[in-house]
């Protein structure tokens, strides 16, 4: 046998092949749906809302232990002050897990400067060592925080 398949003859043989093909396709699609259902929740990002008298933004939390710990403490009210005209900073009620840090940040980065020091960056830049732990990324217009002075924010899970 050369490995080539002959075309199915018209009639009863081709109906049988069609049924086997349909059955195999249904089985494959069912398996794919089940597999996607199993990984879907694990891949979903936690979304939070950050609101103040100045406006409201949403943010997607990072997939790390510090962000997961933050989500477990919500809702929170945080008194924040302006720092270096690039960020709002405030203290969390408790420390979050220490993780790998980075020095660069972009507009909308949510981070930790120390284990309980929450930061919302409204400009991009670079911080000195040891850097920040990234908690997430604002998806809304973070420029609402680009003004001098303190602000009280409410951080909570979205529905």
Foldseek 3Di string as FASTA:
>chain_A
DPPDDDDDDPDDRVVVVVVVVVVVVVVVVVVVVVVCVVCVVVPDWFKKWKQFPLGIWIWTWDPDQQLVVVQVPPFDKWKWFDDPLFKTKTFAPDFGDDDQFAFWDAAFWWWAPGRGMTIGTRHTDGHDPPHTGTTTGIPDNSCSPNDHTMIMITMHTDD
